[in-house]
């Protein structure tokens, strides 16, 4: 993820919160991994500007990752990817899924 974000023009990673003011070239990791985030992704909600993260749907076994491909604040180009897990997904929890890219250096 760090190579992807660096290639898109991001130069730092911060923790996302509702009170954050989005700035150019700063990526914000969304800590909310609840299934409700999928609704925001579906409509490319502007609250996901410069945000990246993952959501895991235990009912379908689908991991959805997302990121804003435009590193400028106020401009959203939301991209997603999905990975379907098979087998016993009951053991998968948000705690053992991590989109973190600690040590990000651009």
C-alpha atoms as a PDB file:
ATOM      1  CA  UNK A   1       0.000   0.000   0.000  1.00  0.00           C
ATOM      2  CA  UNK A   2       2.847   2.409   0.776  1.00  0.00           C
ATOM      3  CA  UNK A   3       4.277   2.110  -2.748  1.00  0.00           C
ATOM      4  CA  UNK A   4       0.838   2.663  -4.243  1.00  0.00           C
ATOM      5  CA  UNK A   5       0.127   5.761  -2.164  1.00  0.00           C
ATOM      6  CA  UNK A   6       3.610   7.193  -2.764  1.00  0.00           C
ATOM      7  CA  UNK A   7       3.121   6.681  -6.503  1.00  0.00           C
ATOM      8  CA  UNK A   8      -0.135   8.621  -6.283  1.00  0.00           C
ATOM      9  CA  UNK A   9       1.616  11.619  -4.709  1.00  0.00           C
ATOM     10  CA  UNK A  10       1.029  11.042  -1.013  1.00  0.00           C
ATOM     11  CA  UNK A  11       3.926  11.995   1.250  1.00  0.00           C
ATOM     12  CA  UNK A  12       2.565  11.217   4.728  1.00  0.00           C
ATOM     13  CA  UNK A  13       0.041   9.036   6.547  1.00  0.00           C
ATOM     14  CA  UNK A  14      -2.173  10.200   9.382  1.00  0.00           C
ATOM     15  CA  UNK A  15      -4.961   8.615  11.410  1.00  0.00           C
ATOM     16  CA  UNK A  16      -8.390   9.656  10.144  1.00  0.00           C
ATOM     17  CA  UNK A  17     -11.023  11.143  12.429  1.00  0.00           C
ATOM     18  CA  UNK A  18     -14.251  13.039  11.837  1.00  0.00           C
ATOM     19  CA  UNK A  19     -12.580  16.250  12.931  1.00  0.00           C
ATOM     20  CA  UNK A  20      -9.558  16.035  10.627  1.00  0.00           C
ATOM     21  CA  UNK A  21      -8.961  18.764   8.062  1.00  0.00           C
ATOM     22  CA  UNK A  22      -7.769  17.030   4.910  1.00  0.00           C
ATOM     23  CA  UNK A  23      -4.596  18.456   3.387  1.00  0.00           C
ATOM     24  CA  UNK A  24      -2.929  17.876   0.035  1.00  0.00           C
ATOM     25  CA  UNK A  25      -0.651  14.825  -0.216  1.00  0.00           C
ATOM     26  CA  UNK A  26      -1.572  13.428   3.220  1.00  0.00           C
ATOM     27  CA  UNK A  27      -3.245   9.994   3.299  1.00  0.00           C
ATOM     28  CA  UNK A  28      -5.565   9.247   6.209  1.00  0.00           C
ATOM     29  CA  UNK A  29      -6.081   5.684   7.433  1.00  0.00           C
ATOM     30  CA  UNK A  30      -9.702   5.047   8.355  1.00  0.00           C
ATOM     31  CA  UNK A  31      -9.887   3.254  11.695  1.00  0.00           C
ATOM     32  CA  UNK A  32     -13.603   2.422  11.298  1.00  0.00           C
ATOM     33  CA  UNK A  33     -13.829  -1.102   9.886  1.00  0.00           C
ATOM     34  CA  UNK A  34     -17.602  -1.459  10.333  1.00  0.00           C
ATOM     35  CA  UNK A  35     -19.717  -2.762   7.485  1.00  0.00           C
ATOM     36  CA  UNK A  36     -21.417   0.676   7.233  1.00  0.00           C
ATOM     37  CA  UNK A  37     -18.301   2.022   5.533  1.00  0.00           C
ATOM     38  CA  UNK A  38     -19.332   0.012   2.461  1.00  0.00           C
ATOM     39  CA  UNK A  39     -22.305   2.370   2.062  1.00  0.00           C
ATOM     40  CA  UNK A  40     -19.917   5.345   1.967  1.00  0.00           C
ATOM     41  CA  UNK A  41     -17.721   3.559  -0.572  1.00  0.00           C
ATOM     42  CA  UNK A  42     -20.722   2.720  -2.781  1.00  0.00           C
ATOM     43  CA  UNK A  43     -21.580   6.408  -3.221  1.00  0.00           C
ATOM     44  CA  UNK A  44     -17.974   7.715  -3.193  1.00  0.00           C
ATOM     45  CA  UNK A  45     -18.819   9.803  -0.157  1.00  0.00           C
ATOM     46  CA  UNK A  46     -16.665  12.936   0.096  1.00  0.00           C
ATOM     47  CA  UNK A  47     -15.791  12.027   3.693  1.00  0.00           C
ATOM     48  CA  UNK A  48     -13.389   9.491   2.127  1.00  0.00           C
ATOM     49  CA  UNK A  49     -11.274  12.250   0.541  1.00  0.00           C
ATOM     50  CA  UNK A  50      -7.585  11.226   0.903  1.00  0.00           C
ATOM     51  CA  UNK A  51      -8.656   8.212   2.987  1.00  0.00           C
ATOM     52  CA  UNK A  52      -7.683   4.549   2.693  1.00  0.00           C
ATOM     53  CA  UNK A  53      -8.663   1.446   4.623  1.00  0.00           C
ATOM     54  CA  UNK A  54     -10.232  -1.985   4.628  1.00  0.00           C
ATOM     55  CA  UNK A  55     -13.596  -3.482   5.566  1.00  0.00           C
ATOM     56  CA  UNK A  56     -14.296  -7.180   6.052  1.00  0.00           C
ATOM     57  CA  UNK A  57     -17.780  -8.597   5.518  1.00  0.00           C
ATOM     58  CA  UNK A  58     -17.934 -11.802   7.566  1.00  0.00           C
ATOM     59  CA  UNK A  59     -21.240 -12.818   5.976  1.00  0.00           C
ATOM     60  CA  UNK A  60     -19.740 -13.015   2.467  1.00  0.00           C
ATOM     61  CA  UNK A  61     -16.054 -13.514   3.289  1.00  0.00           C
ATOM     62  CA  UNK A  62     -15.155 -10.454   1.231  1.00  0.00           C
ATOM     63  CA  UNK A  63     -12.355  -8.062   2.137  1.00  0.00           C
ATOM     64  CA  UNK A  64     -12.849  -4.649   0.516  1.00  0.00           C
ATOM     65  CA  UNK A  65      -9.929  -2.265   0.346  1.00  0.00           C
ATOM     66  CA  UNK A  66     -10.264   1.335  -0.755  1.00  0.00           C
ATOM     67  CA  UNK A  67      -8.142   4.414  -1.355  1.00  0.00           C
ATOM     68  CA  UNK A  68      -8.421   7.865  -2.894  1.00  0.00           C
ATOM     69  CA  UNK A  69      -6.268   7.872  -6.037  1.00  0.00           C
ATOM     70  CA  UNK A  70      -6.151  11.699  -6.074  1.00  0.00           C
ATOM     71  CA  UNK A  71      -3.827  13.079  -3.400  1.00  0.00           C
ATOM     72  CA  UNK A  72      -5.226  16.619  -3.587  1.00  0.00           C
ATOM     73  CA  UNK A  73      -7.658  17.683  -0.884  1.00  0.00           C
ATOM     74  CA  UNK A  74     -11.155  18.329  -2.203  1.00  0.00           C
ATOM     75  CA  UNK A  75     -10.771  15.939  -5.141  1.00  0.00           C
ATOM     76  CA  UNK A  76     -11.952  12.328  -4.794  1.00  0.00           C
ATOM     77  CA  UNK A  77     -11.077   9.436  -7.112  1.00  0.00           C
ATOM     78  CA  UNK A  78     -12.127   6.488  -4.947  1.00  0.00           C
ATOM     79  CA  UNK A  79     -10.736   3.124  -6.012  1.00  0.00           C
ATOM     80  CA  UNK A  80     -11.584  -0.252  -4.498  1.00  0.00           C
ATOM     81  CA  UNK A  81     -10.392  -3.819  -4.620  1.00  0.00           C
ATOM     82  CA  UNK A  82     -11.969  -6.981  -3.277  1.00  0.00           C
ATOM     83  CA  UNK A  83     -10.485 -10.220  -2.047  1.00  0.00           C
ATOM     84  CA  UNK A  84     -12.814 -13.152  -1.452  1.00  0.00           C
ATOM     85  CA  UNK A  85     -11.669 -15.457   1.321  1.00  0.00           C
ATOM     86  CA  UNK A  86     -12.753 -19.067   1.410  1.00  0.00           C
ATOM     87  CA  UNK A  87     -12.938 -21.517   4.254  1.00  0.00           C
ATOM     88  CA  UNK A  88     -13.720 -20.616   7.844  1.00  0.00           C
ATOM     89  CA  UNK A  89     -13.915 -16.816   7.841  1.00  0.00           C
ATOM     90  CA  UNK A  90     -15.420 -16.835  11.326  1.00  0.00           C
ATOM     91  CA  UNK A  91     -11.882 -16.555  12.702  1.00  0.00           C
ATOM     92  CA  UNK A  92     -11.215 -13.330  10.783  1.00  0.00           C
ATOM     93  CA  UNK A  93     -11.684 -10.169  12.845  1.00  0.00           C
ATOM     94  CA  UNK A  94     -10.950  -6.498  12.207  1.00  0.00           C
ATOM     95  CA  UNK A  95      -8.150  -6.779  14.756  1.00  0.00           C
ATOM     96  CA  UNK A  96      -6.184  -9.193  12.591  1.00  0.00           C
ATOM     97  CA  UNK A  97      -6.771  -7.263   9.383  1.00  0.00           C
ATOM     98  CA  UNK A  98      -4.643  -4.183   9.075  1.00  0.00           C
ATOM     99  CA  UNK A  99      -4.353  -1.728   6.181  1.00  0.00           C
ATOM    100  CA  UNK A 100      -1.732   0.164   8.160  1.00  0.00           C
ATOM    101  CA  UNK A 101       1.428   1.097   6.358  1.00  0.00           C
ATOM    102  CA  UNK A 102       3.503   2.160   9.351  1.00  0.00           C
ATOM    103  CA  UNK A 103       6.845   3.651   8.488  1.00  0.00           C
ATOM    104  CA  UNK A 104       5.528   5.309   5.346  1.00  0.00           C
ATOM    105  CA  UNK A 105       8.308   7.125   3.537  1.00  0.00           C
ATOM    106  CA  UNK A 106       7.752   8.861   0.218  1.00  0.00           C
END
